[in-house]
């Protein structure tokens, strides 16, 4: 008996363990929900779809689905529904639906009845015609309720819903252009609504035509007036204009003409469009013009011959301004072509000008340009001459400037026809005044031009040619040479080295080659890179192969023809030829 009871206890424990394991492993829950589905007239709903959801639940056992039987009854088990837990139900049948909520008792069971609403039928609407009017009437026939319940209609226009009856007058219809508008109606009872009946129409609005602009001509005047002509609105709406210039701020309600002042000297674009009171606007009409300022012409200088006086007068005729602006003349006087040292300088000077601070035996450079009131200036007009001092007086001709107290016997300043450079200026020798002697005339090279061999030439690239290196002696430690630019560019950019150490003497051929590879050298008057700057006797001497001999011969024919008159080189080349002939036999 005792044994039997022990067996039964063990069996009960085993069964309980199996149940708990099944609950854990297979998701078996003990919560239930049951109830009825009924219509609003309390008749049962057969075959209604029921969805039960446990509140605050996640995972398995939270949602279950079923259908009602022939009695409108349903039951849902295996819910993860705790005691006193909340549960909601959703019922659906033939387009109708309903919801309800409940709470589980201490046995994890909930009772939940659901009332399902059968919606009214869909209303029938009258299609709306396209219109330009700001108001229109919407017409429809309401849907009917299957249970003859009280109904009402909801109308939605452009997402705004309200309860209305047919016909409904809608005001404030607007459109900036031909815009499609939408509306719909549905019929509802106290619990649910029918599907929506939908319709669209076009709010008609044609924008005005773009205005016609009167082109503004290019001008020097910084003030401008803008004219245009409007066209009527095709729909008969009122219109207004938007005006802007250079894509700036729009002036609305602008009327023709419009005035603008203080325009910059540049290209300007102005635009006008016409809009109606419904918000429809034309495209912008545009026009472009230029407010310009022309610089005056160059002044005309009275060339000044050589002067025997340090008191000098300058005369010129100012340039003319084609725009009619007021002008002024800027003048600079210097004793160098770069105008780095000024004898006189003024930004507003009239002709003639007299200076007293010149000195004898110097070149005088002077230039004048004309500027308008807006600081637009012509190019410079230039002149140059020299000053000299009379060494004797007598009955000769005037010396070009006069020194006072009698006549000055002139002296030739240079050899006629000679031209050379002084700094960046040409010096020309000729008779430039009224006497019988030759004079120097200095002409500055303009811009980036440089003076080369008495001529102003465009900026150039140097081309360097170098003499042979000087010999090393017991008393010298360095070698030197002279490298000259045959283009006479007047710069030292890229000039090869003109000095090097005599350290090449006493080194092995390999050491010498390493050093000489870093040095340029000259062959046939052309500077070549370093690897070729090796004395040929030191190249040929260590060679003991046919390839080496051939290389020596190639170097001798290509690179060293310019120095083949040297006896030492001739001996080396003869030895190389003998070596090559011997090897070839």
Protein backbone atom coordinates (compact mmCIF):
# COMPACT_ATOMS: atom_id res chain seq x y z
CA UNK A 1 0.00 0.00 0.00
CA UNK A 2 2.75 2.39 0.91
CA UNK A 3 4.65 1.42 -2.16
CA UNK A 4 1.61 2.05 -4.32
CA UNK A 5 1.14 5.56 -2.91
CA UNK A 6 4.76 6.36 -3.53
CA UNK A 7 4.35 5.26 -7.12
CA UNK A 8 1.27 7.42 -7.61
CA UNK A 9 3.05 10.48 -6.15
CA UNK A 10 5.99 10.00 -8.42
CA UNK A 11 3.63 9.62 -11.39
CA UNK A 12 1.86 12.88 -10.51
CA UNK A 13 5.16 14.72 -10.23
CA UNK A 14 6.24 13.30 -13.59
CA UNK A 15 3.02 14.39 -15.30
CA UNK A 16 3.27 17.89 -13.81
CA UNK A 17 6.86 18.19 -15.00
CA UNK A 18 5.87 17.13 -18.50
CA UNK A 19 3.09 19.73 -18.59
CA UNK A 20 5.45 22.47 -17.42
CA UNK A 21 8.05 21.43 -19.99
CA UNK A 22 5.46 21.50 -22.74
CA UNK A 23 4.36 24.95 -21.66
CA UNK A 24 7.95 26.19 -21.74
CA UNK A 25 9.08 24.42 -24.92
CA UNK A 26 5.97 24.52 -27.06
CA UNK A 27 4.39 27.85 -25.90
CA UNK A 28 1.24 26.41 -24.30
CA UNK A 29 -0.71 29.11 -22.42
CA UNK A 30 -3.83 28.90 -20.27
CA UNK A 31 -5.54 32.20 -21.02
CA UNK A 32 -8.93 32.20 -22.85
CA UNK A 33 -11.41 34.70 -24.29
CA UNK A 34 -14.97 33.93 -25.42
CA UNK A 35 -18.08 35.84 -26.48
CA UNK A 36 -20.65 36.65 -29.17
CA UNK A 37 -20.63 38.81 -32.29
CA UNK A 38 -23.91 40.68 -32.93
CA UNK A 39 -25.23 43.33 -35.27
CA UNK A 40 -26.55 46.63 -33.97
CA UNK A 41 -30.12 45.15 -33.95
CA UNK A 42 -28.81 42.38 -31.63
CA UNK A 43 -28.97 39.62 -34.24
CA UNK A 44 -25.99 37.27 -34.20
CA UNK A 45 -23.28 37.40 -36.86
CA UNK A 46 -22.39 34.03 -38.36
CA UNK A 47 -18.90 33.59 -39.78
CA UNK A 48 -17.53 36.87 -38.47
CA UNK A 49 -13.70 37.11 -38.35
CA UNK A 50 -12.54 37.68 -34.78
CA UNK A 51 -9.04 38.89 -33.74
CA UNK A 52 -8.15 38.83 -30.00
CA UNK A 53 -5.09 40.82 -28.81
CA UNK A 54 -3.60 40.70 -25.28
CA UNK A 55 -2.72 44.16 -24.01
CA UNK A 56 0.96 44.81 -23.24
CA UNK A 57 1.96 41.43 -24.62
CA UNK A 58 4.87 40.58 -26.93
CA UNK A 59 5.89 37.29 -28.49
CA UNK A 60 3.93 34.09 -28.78
CA UNK A 61 0.37 33.80 -27.42
CA UNK A 62 -0.40 37.50 -27.76
CA UNK A 63 -2.70 37.45 -30.80
CA UNK A 64 -5.17 34.75 -31.88
CA UNK A 65 -7.75 34.60 -34.70
CA UNK A 66 -10.99 32.65 -35.11
CA UNK A 67 -14.53 32.85 -36.60
CA UNK A 68 -18.00 32.80 -35.03
CA UNK A 69 -20.10 29.63 -35.27
CA UNK A 70 -23.77 29.26 -36.31
CA UNK A 71 -24.79 30.84 -33.02
CA UNK A 72 -22.47 33.84 -33.44
CA UNK A 73 -20.28 32.39 -30.66
CA UNK A 74 -16.48 32.18 -30.56
CA UNK A 75 -13.80 31.02 -28.11
CA UNK A 76 -10.03 31.66 -28.26
CA UNK A 77 -7.64 29.61 -26.11
CA UNK A 78 -3.83 29.39 -25.61
CA UNK A 79 -3.56 33.10 -24.88
CA UNK A 80 -0.66 34.54 -22.90
CA UNK A 81 -3.28 36.31 -20.80
CA UNK A 82 -2.51 36.75 -17.11
CA UNK A 83 -5.13 37.12 -14.38
CA UNK A 84 -6.60 40.66 -14.50
CA UNK A 85 -4.86 41.21 -17.85
CA UNK A 86 -6.49 43.36 -20.52
CA UNK A 87 -7.68 42.05 -23.86
CA UNK A 88 -9.23 43.69 -27.00
CA UNK A 89 -11.32 42.22 -29.76
CA UNK A 90 -11.88 43.21 -33.38
CA UNK A 91 -14.73 41.74 -35.42
CA UNK A 92 -15.24 42.07 -39.20
CA UNK A 93 -17.99 40.85 -41.50
CA UNK A 94 -18.81 41.81 -45.09
CA UNK A 95 -17.35 45.30 -44.89
CA UNK A 96 -18.72 45.95 -41.40
CA UNK A 97 -16.61 45.91 -38.25
CA UNK A 98 -16.65 46.54 -34.51
CA UNK A 99 -14.35 46.54 -31.47
CA UNK A 100 -14.54 46.01 -27.72
CA UNK A 101 -12.28 45.44 -24.68
CA UNK A 102 -12.40 43.31 -21.49
CA UNK A 103 -10.35 42.13 -18.46
CA UNK A 104 -9.45 38.55 -17.48
CA UNK A 105 -10.64 37.09 -14.18
CA UNK A 106 -8.48 35.21 -11.66
CA UNK A 107 -8.69 32.07 -13.85
CA UNK A 108 -7.15 33.96 -16.82
CA UNK A 109 -10.51 33.94 -18.66
CA UNK A 110 -12.18 36.97 -20.28
CA UNK A 111 -15.68 37.47 -21.68
CA UNK A 112 -15.81 39.80 -24.70
CA UNK A 113 -18.86 40.50 -26.89
CA UNK A 114 -18.38 42.51 -30.11
CA UNK A 115 -20.99 44.61 -31.90
CA UNK A 116 -20.35 44.66 -35.66
CA UNK A 117 -21.54 47.63 -37.63
CA UNK A 118 -22.95 47.17 -41.12
CA UNK A 119 -22.01 50.42 -42.96
CA UNK A 120 -24.39 52.39 -45.14
CA UNK A 121 -24.12 52.12 -48.90
CA UNK A 122 -21.72 54.40 -50.82
CA UNK A 123 -23.27 57.73 -51.84
CA UNK A 124 -23.64 58.73 -55.50
CA UNK A 125 -22.03 62.05 -56.47
CA UNK A 126 -22.59 64.35 -59.44
CA UNK A 127 -19.32 64.96 -61.32
CA UNK A 128 -18.07 68.52 -60.93
CA UNK A 129 -17.29 70.51 -64.08
CA UNK A 130 -14.08 72.49 -64.53
CA UNK A 131 -14.45 76.10 -63.45
CA UNK A 132 -12.62 79.40 -63.19
CA UNK A 133 -15.06 80.64 -60.53
CA UNK A 134 -13.96 81.07 -56.95
CA UNK A 135 -16.98 79.09 -55.68
CA UNK A 136 -18.92 76.01 -56.85
CA UNK A 137 -21.74 73.65 -55.72
CA UNK A 138 -21.09 69.97 -54.89
CA UNK A 139 -24.08 67.63 -55.35
CA UNK A 140 -24.59 63.99 -54.29
CA UNK A 141 -27.16 61.41 -53.14
CA UNK A 142 -26.57 59.94 -49.66
CA UNK A 143 -26.04 56.23 -49.05
CA UNK A 144 -28.70 54.12 -47.18
CA UNK A 145 -28.27 52.22 -43.90
CA UNK A 146 -29.13 48.44 -44.01
CA UNK A 147 -30.78 48.74 -40.61
CA UNK A 148 -32.44 52.05 -41.41
CA UNK A 149 -30.32 53.70 -38.76
CA UNK A 150 -29.86 57.46 -38.70
CA UNK A 151 -27.09 58.60 -41.09
CA UNK A 152 -25.10 61.71 -41.98
CA UNK A 153 -22.65 62.68 -44.79
CA UNK A 154 -18.98 63.72 -44.57
CA UNK A 155 -17.52 65.74 -47.51
CA UNK A 156 -13.78 66.16 -47.95
CA UNK A 157 -12.30 68.95 -50.16
CA UNK A 158 -8.51 69.00 -50.57
CA UNK A 159 -8.00 66.98 -47.32
CA UNK A 160 -10.38 69.17 -45.28
CA UNK A 161 -13.38 67.10 -44.02
CA UNK A 162 -16.69 68.42 -42.69
CA UNK A 163 -20.24 67.21 -42.19
CA UNK A 164 -22.49 68.69 -44.89
CA UNK A 165 -25.71 68.08 -46.80
CA UNK A 166 -26.18 68.18 -50.55
CA UNK A 167 -25.88 70.57 -52.29
CA UNK A 168 -22.85 72.10 -50.61
CA UNK A 169 -21.42 75.44 -51.79
CA UNK A 170 -17.63 75.64 -51.60
CA UNK A 171 -16.08 79.12 -51.65
CA UNK A 172 -12.47 80.31 -51.87
CA UNK A 173 -11.52 77.99 -54.74
CA UNK A 174 -8.20 79.28 -56.08
CA UNK A 175 -5.52 78.22 -58.50
CA UNK A 176 -2.27 79.83 -59.64
CA UNK A 177 -2.60 77.83 -62.86
CA UNK A 178 -4.81 75.06 -64.23
CA UNK A 179 -4.84 72.98 -61.05
CA UNK A 180 -6.63 69.67 -60.41
CA UNK A 181 -8.76 69.69 -57.24
CA UNK A 182 -10.27 66.61 -55.49
CA UNK A 183 -13.33 65.97 -53.35
CA UNK A 184 -15.22 62.95 -51.91
CA UNK A 185 -18.31 62.05 -49.85
CA UNK A 186 -19.16 59.16 -47.51
CA UNK A 187 -22.32 58.23 -45.54
CA UNK A 188 -21.99 57.23 -41.84
CA UNK A 189 -24.18 55.89 -39.03
CA UNK A 190 -23.28 56.13 -35.36
CA UNK A 191 -20.60 53.39 -35.58
CA UNK A 192 -19.21 53.19 -39.09
CA UNK A 193 -19.08 54.81 -42.52
CA UNK A 194 -19.46 53.74 -46.11
CA UNK A 195 -16.59 53.76 -48.63
CA UNK A 196 -15.86 57.20 -50.14
CA UNK A 197 -17.24 58.34 -53.49
CA UNK A 198 -14.46 60.39 -55.23
CA UNK A 199 -14.35 63.06 -57.95
CA UNK A 200 -11.85 65.60 -59.38
CA UNK A 201 -12.13 68.78 -61.42
CA UNK A 202 -9.78 71.50 -62.74
CA UNK A 203 -9.68 74.95 -61.20
CA UNK A 204 -9.06 76.81 -64.46
CA UNK A 205 -6.72 79.83 -64.47
CA UNK A 206 -4.65 80.97 -67.44
CA UNK A 207 -1.71 83.21 -66.54
CA UNK A 208 -1.23 86.57 -68.30
CA UNK A 209 1.16 86.88 -71.23
CA UNK A 210 4.69 88.12 -70.51
CA UNK A 211 5.03 91.92 -70.86
CA UNK A 212 6.87 93.60 -73.76
CA UNK A 213 9.99 95.49 -72.68
CA UNK A 214 11.48 98.58 -74.31
CA UNK A 215 15.17 97.79 -74.75
CA UNK A 216 17.62 100.03 -72.90
CA UNK A 217 20.60 100.99 -75.12
CA UNK A 218 24.18 100.75 -73.93
CA UNK A 219 25.00 103.99 -72.20
CA UNK A 220 27.55 105.96 -70.25
CA UNK A 221 24.85 107.31 -67.95
CA UNK A 222 24.67 105.54 -64.58
CA UNK A 223 20.96 106.41 -64.31
CA UNK A 224 18.44 104.42 -66.33
CA UNK A 225 14.66 104.41 -66.95
CA UNK A 226 12.81 101.17 -67.74
CA UNK A 227 9.60 100.99 -69.81
CA UNK A 228 7.31 98.06 -70.66
CA UNK A 229 3.81 97.23 -71.91
CA UNK A 230 1.35 94.82 -70.25
CA UNK A 231 -1.13 92.47 -71.88
CA UNK A 232 -4.64 91.73 -70.55
CA UNK A 233 -5.37 88.57 -68.57
CA UNK A 234 -7.09 85.88 -70.69
CA UNK A 235 -9.51 85.10 -67.82
CA UNK A 236 -10.30 88.75 -67.22
CA UNK A 237 -8.59 88.81 -63.81
CA UNK A 238 -6.88 91.88 -62.44
CA UNK A 239 -3.08 92.02 -62.93
CA UNK A 240 0.07 93.47 -61.36
CA UNK A 241 3.80 93.50 -62.26
CA UNK A 242 6.97 92.22 -60.60
CA UNK A 243 10.18 94.15 -61.45
CA UNK A 244 13.82 93.32 -60.64
CA UNK A 245 17.32 94.17 -61.88
CA UNK A 246 20.42 91.99 -61.75
CA UNK A 247 18.45 89.20 -60.07
CA UNK A 248 17.95 91.36 -57.01
CA UNK A 249 14.95 91.95 -54.78
CA UNK A 250 11.59 91.90 -56.59
CA UNK A 251 9.57 95.09 -56.56
CA UNK A 252 5.93 93.95 -56.64
CA UNK A 253 3.03 96.05 -57.94
CA UNK A 254 5.60 97.89 -60.07
CA UNK A 255 4.35 100.22 -62.78
CA UNK A 256 6.09 101.41 -65.93
CA UNK A 257 8.40 103.32 -65.97
CA UNK A 258 10.86 102.40 -63.22
CA UNK A 259 13.97 104.50 -62.49
CA UNK A 260 17.29 103.29 -61.10
CA UNK A 261 20.39 105.37 -60.31
CA UNK A 262 24.07 104.87 -59.46
CA UNK A 263 24.39 101.82 -61.68
CA UNK A 264 27.87 100.35 -61.83
CA UNK A 265 29.96 100.34 -64.97
CA UNK A 266 29.06 96.81 -65.98
CA UNK A 267 26.48 94.71 -67.82
CA UNK A 268 22.96 94.82 -66.28
CA UNK A 269 19.87 92.64 -66.82
CA UNK A 270 16.40 93.80 -65.88
CA UNK A 271 13.21 91.68 -65.82
CA UNK A 272 9.43 92.14 -65.58
CA UNK A 273 6.60 89.62 -65.26
CA UNK A 274 2.82 90.04 -65.07
CA UNK A 275 0.70 88.18 -62.49
CA UNK A 276 -3.09 87.92 -62.04
CA UNK A 277 -5.03 88.19 -58.80
CA UNK A 278 -5.46 84.40 -58.73
CA UNK A 279 -1.67 83.99 -58.37
CA UNK A 280 -0.92 83.00 -61.96
CA UNK A 281 2.24 84.68 -63.31
CA UNK A 282 3.86 84.91 -66.72
CA UNK A 283 7.51 84.16 -67.33
CA UNK A 284 9.94 87.03 -66.82
CA UNK A 285 10.70 89.18 -69.87
CA UNK A 286 14.33 90.35 -69.76
CA UNK A 287 16.67 92.85 -71.39
CA UNK A 288 20.42 93.41 -70.99
CA UNK A 289 22.43 96.59 -71.47
CA UNK A 290 25.86 97.89 -70.53
CA UNK A 291 26.82 101.00 -68.59
CA UNK A 292 30.31 101.72 -69.90
CA UNK A 293 33.11 104.23 -69.50
CA UNK A 294 35.67 104.78 -72.24
CA UNK A 295 39.14 105.93 -71.29
CA UNK A 296 40.43 109.15 -72.88
CA UNK A 297 42.86 109.03 -75.79
CA UNK A 298 46.61 109.34 -75.23
CA UNK A 299 47.95 112.87 -74.92
CA UNK A 300 50.21 114.27 -77.67
CA UNK A 301 53.67 115.21 -76.37
CA UNK A 302 55.90 117.90 -77.89
CA UNK A 303 59.20 116.02 -78.27
CA UNK A 304 62.02 117.62 -76.30
CA UNK A 305 65.49 117.71 -77.84
CA UNK A 306 68.75 117.61 -75.95
CA UNK A 307 68.92 120.38 -73.39
CA UNK A 308 71.91 122.50 -72.38
CA UNK A 309 69.99 123.80 -69.35
CA UNK A 310 68.84 122.28 -66.06
CA UNK A 311 65.65 124.33 -66.29
CA UNK A 312 63.39 122.36 -68.61
CA UNK A 313 59.89 122.97 -69.94
CA UNK A 314 57.49 120.20 -71.01
CA UNK A 315 54.53 120.75 -73.33
CA UNK A 316 51.71 118.46 -74.44
CA UNK A 317 48.13 118.37 -75.65
CA UNK A 318 45.71 116.44 -73.41
CA UNK A 319 43.84 113.40 -74.66
CA UNK A 320 40.11 113.64 -75.46
CA UNK A 321 37.33 111.78 -73.63
CA UNK A 322 34.72 110.32 -75.98
CA UNK A 323 32.14 110.21 -73.17
CA UNK A 324 32.47 113.93 -72.51
CA UNK A 325 33.78 113.43 -68.96
CA UNK A 326 36.04 115.97 -67.33
CA UNK A 327 39.72 115.04 -67.64
CA UNK A 328 43.04 115.57 -65.90
CA UNK A 329 46.62 114.77 -66.83
CA UNK A 330 49.10 112.72 -64.83
CA UNK A 331 52.80 113.42 -65.49
CA UNK A 332 56.01 111.84 -64.21
CA UNK A 333 59.58 113.06 -64.86
CA UNK A 334 62.55 110.87 -63.93
CA UNK A 335 66.22 110.31 -64.67
CA UNK A 336 65.74 106.52 -65.08
CA UNK A 337 63.54 104.50 -67.39
CA UNK A 338 61.80 102.67 -64.52
CA UNK A 339 60.72 105.95 -62.90
CA UNK A 340 62.11 104.76 -59.58
CA UNK A 341 63.53 108.26 -58.86
CA UNK A 342 61.20 111.12 -59.72
CA UNK A 343 62.23 114.66 -60.54
CA UNK A 344 58.57 115.62 -60.70
CA UNK A 345 55.27 113.83 -60.30
CA UNK A 346 51.66 115.05 -60.35
CA UNK A 347 48.23 113.45 -60.76
CA UNK A 348 46.67 116.70 -62.01
CA UNK A 349 48.96 118.86 -64.11
CA UNK A 350 48.34 121.22 -67.02
CA UNK A 351 50.72 122.03 -69.87
CA UNK A 352 53.28 123.58 -69.91
CA UNK A 353 55.32 122.34 -66.97
CA UNK A 354 58.76 123.76 -66.04
CA UNK A 355 61.20 122.03 -63.66
CA UNK A 356 64.50 123.39 -62.35
CA UNK A 357 66.02 120.37 -60.60
CA UNK A 358 67.55 118.54 -63.58
CA UNK A 359 71.30 118.03 -63.71
CA UNK A 360 73.79 117.97 -66.56
CA UNK A 361 74.80 114.85 -68.38
CA UNK A 362 71.76 112.73 -67.55
CA UNK A 363 68.89 111.16 -69.43
CA UNK A 364 65.48 112.68 -68.80
CA UNK A 365 62.43 110.40 -69.08
CA UNK A 366 58.95 111.87 -69.00
CA UNK A 367 55.50 110.49 -69.58
CA UNK A 368 51.93 111.82 -69.54
CA UNK A 369 48.53 110.15 -69.53
CA UNK A 370 44.98 111.55 -69.51
CA UNK A 371 42.38 110.32 -67.01
CA UNK A 372 38.67 111.06 -66.78
CA UNK A 373 36.67 111.99 -63.70
CA UNK A 374 35.88 108.30 -63.15
CA UNK A 375 39.60 107.43 -62.99
CA UNK A 376 39.70 105.63 -66.31
CA UNK A 377 43.06 106.52 -67.88
CA UNK A 378 44.70 106.35 -71.28
CA UNK A 379 48.04 104.69 -71.90
CA UNK A 380 51.18 106.73 -71.30
CA UNK A 381 52.72 108.91 -73.98
CA UNK A 382 56.53 108.83 -73.48
CA UNK A 383 59.51 110.96 -74.48
CA UNK A 384 63.17 111.03 -73.48
CA UNK A 385 66.19 113.28 -74.05
CA UNK A 386 69.53 114.13 -72.52
CA UNK A 387 71.02 117.17 -70.83
CA UNK A 388 74.52 118.47 -71.54
CA UNK A 389 76.69 121.36 -70.61
CA UNK A 390 78.44 123.69 -73.10
CA UNK A 391 82.23 123.62 -72.82
CA UNK A 392 82.84 126.73 -74.96
CA UNK A 393 80.93 129.54 -76.62
CA UNK A 394 81.19 131.23 -79.93
CA UNK A 395 79.29 131.79 -83.09
CA UNK A 396 78.00 128.27 -83.50
CA UNK A 397 74.45 127.07 -83.54
CA UNK A 398 72.24 126.76 -80.56
CA UNK A 399 72.86 123.68 -78.43
CA UNK A 400 69.23 122.68 -78.14
CA UNK A 401 68.25 124.26 -74.87
CA UNK A 402 70.25 127.37 -74.54
CA UNK A 403 72.46 128.16 -71.62
CA UNK A 404 71.93 131.92 -71.57
CA UNK A 405 74.54 134.63 -72.21
CA UNK A 406 75.40 133.78 -75.81
CA UNK A 407 75.70 130.89 -78.17
CA UNK A 408 77.03 127.47 -77.30
CA UNK A 409 79.38 125.58 -79.56
CA UNK A 410 77.93 122.06 -79.79
CA UNK A 411 79.92 118.86 -79.41
CA UNK A 412 79.12 115.44 -80.76
CA UNK A 413 77.72 113.29 -78.00
CA UNK A 414 78.08 110.04 -79.85
CA UNK A 415 78.85 108.40 -83.16
CA UNK A 416 76.03 108.75 -85.66
CA UNK A 417 74.05 105.56 -86.25
CA UNK A 418 75.22 103.87 -83.05
CA UNK A 419 72.55 102.18 -80.95
CA UNK A 420 73.11 100.49 -77.62
CA UNK A 421 71.37 99.74 -74.33
CA UNK A 422 71.44 101.71 -71.10
CA UNK A 423 69.62 99.72 -68.44
CA UNK A 424 66.29 98.82 -69.99
CA UNK A 425 66.30 101.66 -72.50
CA UNK A 426 67.65 102.16 -76.03
CA UNK A 427 70.26 104.83 -76.64
CA UNK A 428 70.13 106.10 -80.23
CA UNK A 429 72.71 108.45 -81.72
CA UNK A 430 71.53 111.03 -84.27
CA UNK A 431 70.79 114.71 -84.84
CA UNK A 432 67.62 115.38 -82.92
CA UNK A 433 67.86 119.18 -82.51
CA UNK A 434 68.70 122.17 -84.63
CA UNK A 435 72.51 122.12 -84.38
CA UNK A 436 75.06 120.26 -86.45
CA UNK A 437 76.20 117.83 -83.75
CA UNK A 438 74.99 114.33 -82.96
CA UNK A 439 72.87 113.78 -79.90
CA UNK A 440 71.91 110.86 -77.66
CA UNK A 441 68.26 109.96 -77.42
CA UNK A 442 67.13 107.51 -74.77
CA UNK A 443 64.02 105.49 -75.48
CA UNK A 444 62.64 103.35 -72.63
CA UNK A 445 61.45 99.84 -73.46
CA UNK A 446 57.77 99.48 -72.50
CA UNK A 447 56.04 96.76 -70.55
CA UNK A 448 58.02 93.53 -70.21
CA UNK A 449 60.23 94.28 -73.22
CA UNK A 450 63.99 94.29 -72.68
CA UNK A 451 66.77 96.18 -74.37
CA UNK A 452 69.14 93.86 -76.25
CA UNK A 453 71.88 95.18 -78.57
CA UNK A 454 70.20 98.55 -78.84
CA UNK A 455 66.74 97.14 -79.60
CA UNK A 456 63.65 96.64 -77.44
CA UNK A 457 62.69 92.98 -77.75
CA UNK A 458 60.07 90.82 -76.14
CA UNK A 459 60.95 88.92 -72.99
CA UNK A 460 62.99 85.84 -73.88
CA UNK A 461 64.41 82.57 -72.55
CA UNK A 462 68.19 82.54 -72.03
CA UNK A 463 70.45 80.17 -74.04
CA UNK A 464 73.79 79.63 -72.31
CA UNK A 465 77.14 78.89 -74.01
CA UNK A 466 80.24 78.32 -71.88
CA UNK A 467 83.99 78.49 -72.52
CA UNK A 468 86.35 75.63 -71.57
CA UNK A 469 87.35 75.23 -67.94
CA UNK A 470 90.64 76.90 -66.97
CA UNK A 471 93.64 74.67 -66.15
CA UNK A 472 94.54 73.61 -62.63
CA UNK A 473 98.07 74.53 -61.47
CA UNK A 474 100.05 74.17 -58.29
CA UNK A 475 98.98 77.67 -57.29
CA UNK A 476 95.26 77.29 -58.00
CA UNK A 477 92.60 75.18 -56.32
CA UNK A 478 89.65 76.10 -58.52
CA UNK A 479 88.75 76.11 -62.19
CA UNK A 480 86.65 78.78 -63.87
CA UNK A 481 84.89 79.47 -67.14
CA UNK A 482 82.57 82.09 -68.63
CA UNK A 483 78.94 81.27 -69.56
CA UNK A 484 77.14 83.78 -71.80
CA UNK A 485 73.48 84.07 -72.86
CA UNK A 486 73.43 84.27 -76.66
CA UNK A 487 69.85 85.55 -76.47
CA UNK A 488 71.00 88.41 -74.24
CA UNK A 489 67.93 88.17 -72.06
CA UNK A 490 69.66 90.11 -69.31
CA UNK A 491 69.00 87.50 -66.59
CA UNK A 492 71.07 84.89 -64.76
CA UNK A 493 68.26 82.34 -64.42
CA UNK A 494 69.51 78.83 -65.28
CA UNK A 495 73.11 79.90 -65.86
CA UNK A 496 75.50 76.89 -65.53
CA UNK A 497 78.18 76.95 -62.80
CA UNK A 498 81.18 79.09 -63.68
CA UNK A 499 83.49 77.79 -60.93
CA UNK A 500 84.42 74.35 -59.62
CA UNK A 501 87.08 72.73 -57.49
CA UNK A 502 90.25 71.19 -58.89
CA UNK A 503 89.45 68.15 -56.75
CA UNK A 504 89.02 66.10 -59.93
CA UNK A 505 92.86 65.75 -60.18
CA UNK A 506 94.31 62.66 -58.51
CA UNK A 507 91.01 60.81 -58.26
CA UNK A 508 90.28 57.42 -59.74
CA UNK A 509 88.15 57.30 -62.91
CA UNK A 510 85.18 56.04 -60.87
CA UNK A 511 85.50 58.84 -58.29
CA UNK A 512 86.00 61.40 -61.00
CA UNK A 513 82.95 60.16 -62.85
CA UNK A 514 80.85 60.42 -59.70
CA UNK A 515 81.87 64.04 -59.21
CA UNK A 516 81.64 65.03 -62.84
CA UNK A 517 78.14 63.58 -63.22
CA UNK A 518 77.02 66.47 -61.04
CA UNK A 519 78.56 69.06 -63.38
CA UNK A 520 77.39 70.27 -66.82
CA UNK A 521 79.93 70.66 -69.65
CA UNK A 522 80.09 72.02 -73.18
CA UNK A 523 80.35 70.07 -76.43
CA UNK A 524 80.34 71.86 -79.79
CA UNK A 525 79.22 75.01 -78.06
CA UNK A 526 76.24 73.27 -76.36
CA UNK A 527 76.01 72.69 -72.60
CA UNK A 528 75.24 68.98 -71.91
CA UNK A 529 74.31 67.12 -68.69
CA UNK A 530 76.90 65.85 -66.27
CA UNK A 531 77.54 62.26 -67.37
CA UNK A 532 79.15 63.56 -70.57
CA UNK A 533 81.58 65.87 -68.72
CA UNK A 534 84.35 63.31 -68.46
CA UNK A 535 87.72 63.89 -70.24
CA UNK A 536 87.86 61.40 -73.05
CA UNK A 537 91.34 60.18 -72.15
CA UNK A 538 89.98 59.08 -68.77
CA UNK A 539 87.03 57.33 -70.40
CA UNK A 540 88.95 55.35 -73.00
CA UNK A 541 91.96 54.46 -70.87
CA UNK A 542 90.34 51.84 -68.58
CA UNK A 543 88.20 50.22 -71.26
CA UNK A 544 89.16 46.64 -72.12
CA UNK A 545 86.16 45.29 -74.02
CA UNK A 546 84.88 45.74 -77.58
CA UNK A 547 81.80 47.42 -76.21
CA UNK A 548 83.95 49.83 -74.26
CA UNK A 549 86.06 50.64 -77.27
CA UNK A 550 82.99 51.21 -79.41
CA UNK A 551 81.53 53.50 -76.77
CA UNK A 552 84.77 55.47 -76.70
CA UNK A 553 84.65 55.87 -80.45
CA UNK A 554 81.01 56.98 -80.31
CA UNK A 555 81.79 59.59 -77.71
CA UNK A 556 84.76 60.79 -79.69
CA UNK A 557 82.68 61.22 -82.87
CA UNK A 558 79.65 62.81 -81.15
CA UNK A 559 80.82 64.83 -78.24
CA UNK A 560 84.44 65.74 -78.57
CA UNK A 561 84.91 66.90 -82.13
CA UNK A 562 85.22 70.44 -80.83
CA UNK A 563 88.56 69.69 -79.09
CA UNK A 564 90.10 67.12 -81.47
CA UNK A 565 92.88 69.50 -82.35
CA UNK A 566 94.47 68.85 -79.00
CA UNK A 567 97.45 66.51 -79.40
CA UNK A 568 96.67 64.56 -76.26
CA UNK A 569 93.18 63.68 -77.49
CA UNK A 570 94.49 62.64 -80.91
CA UNK A 571 96.90 60.22 -79.23
CA UNK A 572 94.16 58.72 -77.13
CA UNK A 573 91.87 58.25 -80.13
CA UNK A 574 94.70 56.57 -82.09
CA UNK A 575 95.29 54.13 -79.22
CA UNK A 576 91.56 53.35 -79.10
CA UNK A 577 91.48 52.65 -82.86
CA UNK A 578 94.52 50.38 -82.60
CA UNK A 579 92.86 48.51 -79.74
CA UNK A 580 89.64 48.05 -81.72
CA UNK A 581 91.53 46.83 -84.87
CA UNK A 582 93.52 44.34 -82.82
CA UNK A 583 90.43 42.95 -81.17
CA UNK A 584 88.53 42.63 -84.45
CA UNK A 585 91.31 40.45 -85.98
